[in-house]
C-alpha atoms as a PDB file:
ATOM      1  CA  UNK A   1       2.400  -2.944   9.618  1.00  0.00           C
ATOM      2  CA  UNK A   2       4.803  -4.629   7.219  1.00  0.00           C
ATOM      3  CA  UNK A   3       8.313  -3.355   6.536  1.00  0.00           C
ATOM      4  CA  UNK A   4       9.707  -4.087   3.065  1.00  0.00           C
ATOM      5  CA  UNK A   5       6.454  -5.741   1.939  1.00  0.00           C
ATOM      6  CA  UNK A   6       5.878  -7.960  -1.042  1.00  0.00           C
ATOM      7  CA  UNK A   7       3.221  -6.720  -3.485  1.00  0.00           C
ATOM      8  CA  UNK A   8       0.382  -8.914  -4.701  1.00  0.00           C
ATOM      9  CA  UNK A   9      -0.257  -7.891  -8.314  1.00  0.00           C
ATOM     10  CA  UNK A  10      -3.808  -8.972  -9.110  1.00  0.00           C
ATOM     11  CA  UNK A  11      -5.331  -7.461 -12.250  1.00  0.00           C
ATOM     12  CA  UNK A  12      -8.902  -8.267 -11.088  1.00  0.00           C
ATOM     13  CA  UNK A  13      -8.307  -6.437  -7.799  1.00  0.00           C
ATOM     14  CA  UNK A  14      -6.901  -3.404  -9.582  1.00  0.00           C
ATOM     15  CA  UNK A  15      -9.670  -3.267 -12.192  1.00  0.00           C
ATOM     16  CA  UNK A  16     -12.732  -4.474 -10.256  1.00  0.00           C
ATOM     17  CA  UNK A  17     -11.866  -4.459  -6.550  1.00  0.00           C
ATOM     18  CA  UNK A  18     -12.194  -8.258  -6.272  1.00  0.00           C
ATOM     19  CA  UNK A  19      -9.304 -10.591  -5.517  1.00  0.00           C
ATOM     20  CA  UNK A  20      -8.723 -13.487  -7.899  1.00  0.00           C
ATOM     21  CA  UNK A  21      -6.600 -16.610  -7.892  1.00  0.00           C
ATOM     22  CA  UNK A  22      -4.552 -15.264 -10.792  1.00  0.00           C
ATOM     23  CA  UNK A  23      -1.855 -13.031  -9.271  1.00  0.00           C
ATOM     24  CA  UNK A  24       1.893 -12.482  -8.998  1.00  0.00           C
ATOM     25  CA  UNK A  25       3.869 -11.748  -5.833  1.00  0.00           C
ATOM     26  CA  UNK A  26       6.469  -9.041  -6.404  1.00  0.00           C
ATOM     27  CA  UNK A  27       9.433  -9.086  -4.007  1.00  0.00           C
ATOM     28  CA  UNK A  28      10.487  -6.136  -1.847  1.00  0.00           C
ATOM     29  CA  UNK A  29      12.813  -3.702  -3.532  1.00  0.00           C
ATOM     30  CA  UNK A  30      13.074  -0.458  -5.474  1.00  0.00           C
ATOM     31  CA  UNK A  31      10.463  -1.468  -8.074  1.00  0.00           C
ATOM     32  CA  UNK A  32       7.855  -2.599  -5.553  1.00  0.00           C
ATOM     33  CA  UNK A  33       4.720  -0.441  -6.069  1.00  0.00           C
ATOM     34  CA  UNK A  34       3.953  -0.261  -2.325  1.00  0.00           C
ATOM     35  CA  UNK A  35       7.382   1.066  -1.425  1.00  0.00           C
ATOM     36  CA  UNK A  36       9.060   0.266   1.876  1.00  0.00           C
ATOM     37  CA  UNK A  37       6.049   0.019   4.214  1.00  0.00           C
ATOM     38  CA  UNK A  38       2.492  -1.367   4.173  1.00  0.00           C
ATOM     39  CA  UNK A  39      -0.090  -0.408   6.811  1.00  0.00           C
ATOM     40  CA  UNK A  40      -3.187  -2.553   6.306  1.00  0.00           C
ATOM     41  CA  UNK A  41      -6.627  -1.034   6.792  1.00  0.00           C
ATOM     42  CA  UNK A  42      -9.840  -2.925   7.539  1.00  0.00           C
ATOM     43  CA  UNK A  43     -10.593  -3.878   3.895  1.00  0.00           C
ATOM     44  CA  UNK A  44      -8.385  -6.635   2.493  1.00  0.00           C
ATOM     45  CA  UNK A  45      -5.935  -5.284  -0.054  1.00  0.00           C
ATOM     46  CA  UNK A  46      -6.432  -1.641   0.949  1.00  0.00           C
ATOM     47  CA  UNK A  47      -3.818   0.192   2.979  1.00  0.00           C
ATOM     48  CA  UNK A  48      -1.518   3.125   3.517  1.00  0.00           C
ATOM     49  CA  UNK A  49       1.815   2.549   1.832  1.00  0.00           C
ATOM     50  CA  UNK A  50       4.909   3.995   0.244  1.00  0.00           C
ATOM     51  CA  UNK A  51       5.541   4.074  -3.485  1.00  0.00           C
ATOM     52  CA  UNK A  52       8.174   3.363  -6.097  1.00  0.00           C
ATOM     53  CA  UNK A  53       6.986   6.469  -7.996  1.00  0.00           C
ATOM     54  CA  UNK A  54       6.980   9.583  -5.741  1.00  0.00           C
ATOM     55  CA  UNK A  55       5.888  11.741  -8.693  1.00  0.00           C
ATOM     56  CA  UNK A  56       2.534   9.945  -8.701  1.00  0.00           C
ATOM     57  CA  UNK A  57       1.588  11.201  -5.220  1.00  0.00           C
ATOM     58  CA  UNK A  58      -1.337  13.602  -5.439  1.00  0.00           C
ATOM     59  CA  UNK A  59      -2.710  11.992  -8.595  1.00  0.00           C
ATOM     60  CA  UNK A  60      -5.585   9.510  -8.860  1.00  0.00           C
ATOM     61  CA  UNK A  61      -3.652   6.340  -9.647  1.00  0.00           C
ATOM     62  CA  UNK A  62      -4.734   4.190  -6.699  1.00  0.00           C
ATOM     63  CA  UNK A  63      -7.719   1.881  -6.340  1.00  0.00           C
ATOM     64  CA  UNK A  64      -8.493   2.795  -2.745  1.00  0.00           C
ATOM     65  CA  UNK A  65      -5.089   2.887  -1.082  1.00  0.00           C
ATOM     66  CA  UNK A  66      -3.367   5.964   0.290  1.00  0.00           C
ATOM     67  CA  UNK A  67       0.135   6.468  -1.110  1.00  0.00           C
ATOM     68  CA  UNK A  68       2.765   8.422   0.778  1.00  0.00           C
ATOM     69  CA  UNK A  69       6.414   9.137   0.155  1.00  0.00           C
ATOM     70  CA  UNK A  70       8.435   6.277   1.629  1.00  0.00           C
ATOM     71  CA  UNK A  71       9.918   8.487   4.371  1.00  0.00           C
ATOM     72  CA  UNK A  72       6.411   9.693   5.335  1.00  0.00           C
ATOM     73  CA  UNK A  73       4.934   6.200   5.649  1.00  0.00           C
ATOM     74  CA  UNK A  74       7.936   5.104   7.745  1.00  0.00           C
ATOM     75  CA  UNK A  75       7.365   8.082  10.051  1.00  0.00           C
ATOM     76  CA  UNK A  76       3.620   7.345  10.270  1.00  0.00           C
ATOM     77  CA  UNK A  77       4.354   3.733  11.215  1.00  0.00           C
ATOM     78  CA  UNK A  78       6.312   4.930  14.270  1.00  0.00           C
ATOM     79  CA  UNK A  79       3.236   6.807  15.528  1.00  0.00           C
ATOM     80  CA  UNK A  80       0.609   4.044  15.296  1.00  0.00           C
ATOM     81  CA  UNK A  81       0.246   0.408  16.288  1.00  0.00           C
ATOM     82  CA  UNK A  82      -1.963  -2.485  15.237  1.00  0.00           C
ATOM     83  CA  UNK A  83      -5.531  -1.975  16.423  1.00  0.00           C
ATOM     84  CA  UNK A  84      -5.384   1.835  16.525  1.00  0.00           C
ATOM     85  CA  UNK A  85      -8.433   3.602  15.104  1.00  0.00           C
ATOM     86  CA  UNK A  86      -7.520   5.769  12.145  1.00  0.00           C
ATOM     87  CA  UNK A  87      -9.738   8.520  10.734  1.00  0.00           C
ATOM     88  CA  UNK A  88      -9.083   9.456   7.128  1.00  0.00           C
ATOM     89  CA  UNK A  89     -10.512  12.761   5.895  1.00  0.00           C
END
């Protein structure tokens, strides 16, 4: 669980699901696409996270991640810990 995460912008990952060596690291802040919290899942680059665009929640704009409002992902992070099993339905 990472608070105020950096975001790894990798066009290959976003378009094809494969990480490349050509990427940019975006700093934490109000324009960071993963918002204020990152909860990693078992596939590299896939997680539960906040967003810089709350209006996008509920729309198919992700490539496998689960986006929540920043306040919701912060609340979720208080209820889980590293190693917990998570079922997503």
